[in-house]
PDB file of N, CA and C in Angstrom:
ATOM      1  N   MET A   1     111.089 -60.863 -91.695  1.00  0.00           N
ATOM      2  CA  MET A   1     111.532 -60.348 -92.979  1.00  0.00           C
ATOM      3  C   MET A   1     110.425 -60.591 -93.998  1.00  0.00           C
ATOM      4  N   SER A   2     110.072 -59.540 -94.706  1.00  0.00           N
ATOM      5  CA  SER A   2     109.038 -59.692 -95.719  1.00  0.00           C
ATOM      6  C   SER A   2     109.601 -60.450 -96.918  1.00  0.00           C
ATOM      7  N   VAL A   3     108.697 -60.958 -97.716  1.00  0.00           N
ATOM      8  CA  VAL A   3     109.119 -61.706 -98.905  1.00  0.00           C
ATOM      9  C   VAL A   3     109.916 -60.792 -99.834  1.00  0.00           C
ATOM     10  N   GLN A   4     109.456 -59.555 -99.988  1.00  0.00           N
ATOM     11  CA  GLN A   4     110.150 -58.618-100.881  1.00  0.00           C
ATOM     12  C   GLN A   4     111.564 -58.322-100.388  1.00  0.00           C
ATOM     13  N   SER A   5     111.737 -58.119 -99.096  1.00  0.00           N
ATOM     14  CA  SER A   5     113.086 -57.846 -98.586  1.00  0.00           C
ATOM     15  C   SER A   5     113.974 -59.089 -98.696  1.00  0.00           C
ATOM     16  N   HIS A   6     113.369 -60.271 -98.568  1.00  0.00           N
ATOM     17  CA  HIS A   6     114.132 -61.505 -98.744  1.00  0.00           C
ATOM     18  C   HIS A   6     114.601 -61.627-100.200  1.00  0.00           C
ATOM     19  N   ILE A   7     113.729 -61.302-101.136  1.00  0.00           N
ATOM     20  CA  ILE A   7     114.098 -61.320-102.556  1.00  0.00           C
ATOM     21  C   ILE A   7     115.237 -60.339-102.810  1.00  0.00           C
ATOM     22  N   GLU A   8     115.161 -59.154-102.224  1.00  0.00           N
ATOM     23  CA  GLU A   8     116.209 -58.156-102.420  1.00  0.00           C
ATOM     24  C   GLU A   8     117.548 -58.644-101.877  1.00  0.00           C
ATOM     25  N   GLU A   9     117.528 -59.314-100.732  1.00  0.00           N
ATOM     26  CA  GLU A   9     118.760 -59.869-100.173  1.00  0.00           C
ATOM     27  C   GLU A   9     119.326 -60.957-101.088  1.00  0.00           C
ATOM     28  N   LEU A  10     118.458 -61.815-101.607  1.00  0.00           N
ATOM     29  CA  LEU A  10     118.901 -62.858-102.531  1.00  0.00           C
ATOM     30  C   LEU A  10     119.490 -62.239-103.795  1.00  0.00           C
ATOM     31  N   GLN A  11     118.902 -61.151-104.267  1.00  0.00           N
ATOM     32  CA  GLN A  11     119.422 -60.473-105.452  1.00  0.00           C
ATOM     33  C   GLN A  11     120.806 -59.892-105.184  1.00  0.00           C
ATOM     34  N   ARG A  12     121.021 -59.358-103.976  1.00  0.00           N
ATOM     35  CA  ARG A  12     122.352 -58.846-103.622  1.00  0.00           C
ATOM     36  C   ARG A  12     123.375 -59.983-103.595  1.00  0.00           C
ATOM     37  N   ARG A  13     122.992 -61.106-103.013  1.00  0.00           N
ATOM     38  CA  ARG A  13     123.896 -62.258-102.965  1.00  0.00           C
ATOM     39  C   ARG A  13     124.187 -62.780-104.372  1.00  0.00           C
ATOM     40  N   HIS A  14     123.173 -62.786-105.238  1.00  0.00           N
ATOM     41  CA  HIS A  14     123.330 -63.231-106.624  1.00  0.00           C
ATOM     42  C   HIS A  14     124.316 -62.316-107.347  1.00  0.00           C
ATOM     43  N   ALA A  15     124.177 -61.010-107.162  1.00  0.00           N
ATOM     44  CA  ALA A  15     125.080 -60.053-107.804  1.00  0.00           C
ATOM     45  C   ALA A  15     126.512 -60.239-107.303  1.00  0.00           C
ATOM     46  N   ALA A  16     126.666 -60.495-106.008  1.00  0.00           N
ATOM     47  CA  ALA A  16     127.999 -60.712-105.448  1.00  0.00           C
ATOM     48  C   ALA A  16     128.631 -61.975-106.036  1.00  0.00           C
ATOM     49  N   LEU A  17     127.838 -63.031-106.177  1.00  0.00           N
ATOM     50  CA  LEU A  17     128.343 -64.264-106.786  1.00  0.00           C
ATOM     51  C   LEU A  17     128.709 -64.035-108.245  1.00  0.00           C
ATOM     52  N   LYS A  18     127.922 -63.237-108.937  1.00  0.00           N
ATOM     53  CA  LYS A  18     128.209 -62.930-110.340  1.00  0.00           C
ATOM     54  C   LYS A  18     129.561 -62.226-110.456  1.00  0.00           C
ATOM     55  N   ARG A  19     129.800 -61.245-109.577  1.00  0.00           N
ATOM     56  CA  ARG A  19     131.089 -60.541-109.598  1.00  0.00           C
ATOM     57  C   ARG A  19     132.237 -61.491-109.261  1.00  0.00           C
ATOM     58  N   GLU A  20     132.029 -62.349-108.261  1.00  0.00           N
ATOM     59  CA  GLU A  20     133.061 -63.308-107.875  1.00  0.00           C
ATOM     60  C   GLU A  20     133.373 -64.269-109.019  1.00  0.00           C
ATOM     61  N   LEU A  21     132.330 -64.725-109.705  1.00  0.00           N
ATOM     62  CA  LEU A  21     132.512 -65.625-110.840  1.00  0.00           C
ATOM     63  C   LEU A  21     133.265 -64.930-111.970  1.00  0.00           C
ATOM     64  N   GLU A  22     132.894 -63.697-112.273  1.00  0.00           N
ATOM     65  CA  GLU A  22     133.575 -62.951-113.331  1.00  0.00           C
ATOM     66  C   GLU A  22     135.063 -62.773-113.003  1.00  0.00           C
ATOM     67  N   GLU A  23     135.354 -62.483-111.733  1.00  0.00           N
ATOM     68  CA  GLU A  23     136.758 -62.350-111.317  1.00  0.00           C
ATOM     69  C   GLU A  23     137.498 -63.673-111.472  1.00  0.00           C
ATOM     70  N   ALA A  24     136.868 -64.757-111.044  1.00  0.00           N
ATOM     71  CA  ALA A  24     137.500 -66.075-111.110  1.00  0.00           C
ATOM     72  C   ALA A  24     137.779 -66.469-112.556  1.00  0.00           C
ATOM     73  N   LEU A  25     136.883 -66.107-113.450  1.00  0.00           N
ATOM     74  CA  LEU A  25     137.069 -66.460-114.858  1.00  0.00           C
ATOM     75  C   LEU A  25     138.221 -65.691-115.500  1.00  0.00           C
ATOM     76  N   GLN A  26     138.638 -64.589-114.891  1.00  0.00           N
ATOM     77  CA  GLN A  26     139.748 -63.801-115.414  1.00  0.00           C
ATOM     78  C   GLN A  26     141.099 -64.442-115.113  1.00  0.00           C
ATOM     79  N   HIS A  27     141.125 -65.397-114.185  1.00  0.00           N
ATOM     80  CA  HIS A  27     142.369 -66.029-113.768  1.00  0.00           C
ATOM     81  C   HIS A  27     142.406 -67.480-114.240  1.00  0.00           C
ATOM     82  N   PRO A  28     143.269 -67.798-115.170  1.00  0.00           N
ATOM     83  CA  PRO A  28     143.322 -69.162-115.719  1.00  0.00           C
ATOM     84  C   PRO A  28     143.724 -70.214-114.676  1.00  0.00           C
ATOM     85  N   SER A  29     144.345 -69.785-113.587  1.00  0.00           N
ATOM     86  CA  SER A  29     144.789 -70.751-112.583  1.00  0.00           C
ATOM     87  C   SER A  29     143.677 -71.192-111.631  1.00  0.00           C
ATOM     88  N   VAL A  30     142.504 -70.581-111.731  1.00  0.00           N
ATOM     89  CA  VAL A  30     141.400 -70.923-110.841  1.00  0.00           C
ATOM     90  C   VAL A  30     140.876 -72.319-111.176  1.00  0.00           C
ATOM     91  N   ASP A  31     140.656 -73.087-110.141  1.00  0.00           N
ATOM     92  CA  ASP A  31     140.190 -74.466-110.270  1.00  0.00           C
ATOM     93  C   ASP A  31     138.802 -74.516-110.913  1.00  0.00           C
ATOM     94  N   ASP A  32     138.625 -75.442-111.829  1.00  0.00           N
ATOM     95  CA  ASP A  32     137.332 -75.601-112.510  1.00  0.00           C
ATOM     96  C   ASP A  32     136.215 -75.952-111.530  1.00  0.00           C
ATOM     97  N   SER A  33     136.548 -76.654-110.465  1.00  0.00           N
ATOM     98  CA  SER A  33     135.507 -77.010-109.496  1.00  0.00           C
ATOM     99  C   SER A  33     134.996 -75.768-108.761  1.00  0.00           C
ATOM    100  N   LEU A  34     135.854 -74.773-108.549  1.00  0.00           N
ATOM    101  CA  LEU A  34     135.416 -73.515-107.941  1.00  0.00           C
ATOM    102  C   LEU A  34     134.452 -72.792-108.873  1.00  0.00           C
ATOM    103  N   ILE A  35     134.793 -72.757-110.152  1.00  0.00           N
ATOM    104  CA  ILE A  35     133.919 -72.129-111.155  1.00  0.00           C
ATOM    105  C   ILE A  35     132.558 -72.825-111.167  1.00  0.00           C
ATOM    106  N   ALA A  36     132.571 -74.143-111.201  1.00  0.00           N
ATOM    107  CA  ALA A  36     131.317 -74.908-111.223  1.00  0.00           C
ATOM    108  C   ALA A  36     130.503 -74.650-109.954  1.00  0.00           C
ATOM    109  N   ASP A  37     131.166 -74.567-108.812  1.00  0.00           N
ATOM    110  CA  ASP A  37     130.474 -74.309-107.549  1.00  0.00           C
ATOM    111  C   ASP A  37     129.828 -72.927-107.541  1.00  0.00           C
ATOM    112  N   LEU A  38     130.553 -71.926-108.016  1.00  0.00           N
ATOM    113  CA  LEU A  38     129.993 -70.574-108.075  1.00  0.00           C
ATOM    114  C   LEU A  38     128.793 -70.513-109.015  1.00  0.00           C
ATOM    115  N   LYS A  39     128.903 -71.181-110.162  1.00  0.00           N
ATOM    116  CA  LYS A  39     127.780 -71.207-111.113  1.00  0.00           C
ATOM    117  C   LYS A  39     126.572 -71.907-110.514  1.00  0.00           C
ATOM    118  N   ARG A  40     126.814 -73.004-109.789  1.00  0.00           N
ATOM    119  CA  ARG A  40     125.715 -73.744-109.168  1.00  0.00           C
ATOM    120  C   ARG A  40     125.021 -72.890-108.112  1.00  0.00           C
ATOM    121  N   LYS A  41     125.798 -72.218-107.273  1.00  0.00           N
ATOM    122  CA  LYS A  41     125.217 -71.361-106.228  1.00  0.00           C
ATOM    123  C   LYS A  41     124.424 -70.216-106.840  1.00  0.00           C
ATOM    124  N   LYS A  42     124.969 -69.639-107.896  1.00  0.00           N
ATOM    125  CA  LYS A  42     124.295 -68.527-108.580  1.00  0.00           C
ATOM    126  C   LYS A  42     122.963 -68.988-109.176  1.00  0.00           C
ATOM    127  N   LEU A  43     122.966 -70.164-109.784  1.00  0.00           N
ATOM    128  CA  LEU A  43     121.738 -70.703-110.366  1.00  0.00           C
ATOM    129  C   LEU A  43     120.701 -71.023-109.289  1.00  0.00           C
ATOM    130  N   LEU A  44     121.139 -71.586-108.165  1.00  0.00           N
ATOM    131  CA  LEU A  44     120.211 -71.875-107.073  1.00  0.00           C
ATOM    132  C   LEU A  44     119.561 -70.600-106.553  1.00  0.00           C
ATOM    133  N   LEU A  45     120.349 -69.540-106.420  1.00  0.00           N
ATOM    134  CA  LEU A  45     119.781 -68.262-105.975  1.00  0.00           C
ATOM    135  C   LEU A  45     118.783 -67.731-107.005  1.00  0.00           C
ATOM    136  N   LYS A  46     119.137 -67.821-108.276  1.00  0.00           N
ATOM    137  CA  LYS A  46     118.234 -67.344-109.325  1.00  0.00           C
ATOM    138  C   LYS A  46     116.905 -68.103-109.282  1.00  0.00           C
ATOM    139  N   ASP A  47     116.979 -69.414-109.095  1.00  0.00           N
ATOM    140  CA  ASP A  47     115.767 -70.225-109.011  1.00  0.00           C
ATOM    141  C   ASP A  47     114.918 -69.829-107.805  1.00  0.00           C
ATOM    142  N   GLU A  48     115.579 -69.596-106.670  1.00  0.00           N
ATOM    143  CA  GLU A  48     114.841 -69.211-105.470  1.00  0.00           C
ATOM    144  C   GLU A  48     114.198 -67.833-105.636  1.00  0.00           C
ATOM    145  N   ILE A  49     114.920 -66.910-106.256  1.00  0.00           N
ATOM    146  CA  ILE A  49     114.371 -65.580-106.517  1.00  0.00           C
ATOM    147  C   ILE A  49     113.140 -65.695-107.414  1.00  0.00           C
ATOM    148  N   SER A  50     113.242 -66.480-108.467  1.00  0.00           N
ATOM    149  CA  SER A  50     112.113 -66.654-109.395  1.00  0.00           C
ATOM    150  C   SER A  50     110.910 -67.258-108.694  1.00  0.00           C
ATOM    151  N   LYS A  51     111.169 -68.254-107.860  1.00  0.00           N
ATOM    152  CA  LYS A  51     110.074 -68.912-107.141  1.00  0.00           C
ATOM    153  C   LYS A  51     109.400 -67.935-106.188  1.00  0.00           C
ATOM    154  N   LEU A  52     110.189 -67.186-105.446  1.00  0.00           N
ATOM    155  CA  LEU A  52     109.616 -66.220-104.500  1.00  0.00           C
ATOM    156  C   LEU A  52     108.911 -65.088-105.210  1.00  0.00           C
ATOM    157  N   ALA A  53     109.469 -64.629-106.323  1.00  0.00           N
ATOM    158  CA  ALA A  53     108.871 -63.515-107.059  1.00  0.00           C
ATOM    159  C   ALA A  53     107.512 -63.879-107.645  1.00  0.00           C
ATOM    160  N   SER A  54     107.298 -65.154-107.897  1.00  0.00           N
ATOM    161  CA  SER A  54     106.013 -65.568-108.468  1.00  0.00           C
ATOM    162  C   SER A  54     105.037 -66.067-107.406  1.00  0.00           C
ATOM    163  N   SER A  55     105.427 -65.955-106.133  1.00  0.00           N
ATOM    164  CA  SER A  55     104.547 -66.413-105.067  1.00  0.00           C
ATOM    165  C   SER A  55     103.373 -65.437-104.897  1.00  0.00           C
ATOM    166  N   PRO A  56     102.245 -65.925-104.408  1.00  0.00           N
ATOM    167  CA  PRO A  56     101.068 -65.085-104.239  1.00  0.00           C
ATOM    168  C   PRO A  56     101.292 -63.866-103.335  1.00  0.00           C
ATOM    169  N   GLU A  57     102.166 -63.979-102.318  1.00  0.00           N
ATOM    170  CA  GLU A  57     102.415 -62.858-101.410  1.00  0.00           C
ATOM    171  C   GLU A  57     103.013 -61.658-102.138  1.00  0.00           C
ATOM    172  N   VAL A  58     103.837 -61.919-103.151  1.00  0.00           N
ATOM    173  CA  VAL A  58     104.505 -60.851-103.882  1.00  0.00           C
ATOM    174  C   VAL A  58     103.605 -60.291-104.973  1.00  0.00           C
ATOM    175  N   LEU A  59     102.789 -61.118-105.537  1.00  0.00           N
ATOM    176  CA  LEU A  59     101.943 -60.700-106.652  1.00  0.00           C
ATOM    177  C   LEU A  59     100.826 -59.736-106.223  1.00  0.00           C
ATOM    178  N   HIS A  60     100.502 -59.720-104.947  1.00  0.00           N
ATOM    179  CA  HIS A  60      99.423 -58.827-104.473  1.00  0.00           C
ATOM    180  C   HIS A  60      99.950 -57.564-103.890  1.00  0.00           C
TER     181      HIS A  60
END
């Protein structure tokens, strides 16, 4: 898998987590720990995407 295709897959997963988080926030009965977990996973993906996007393989 190329770095670019890996970034694209991470972006798809990030978007899916964003939708899941938005849905969870619409329901007041959702556990706060689930919300925190989704936010943490989303942030980790964002960090990994940023790191990969700035790698030398992608910049060339």
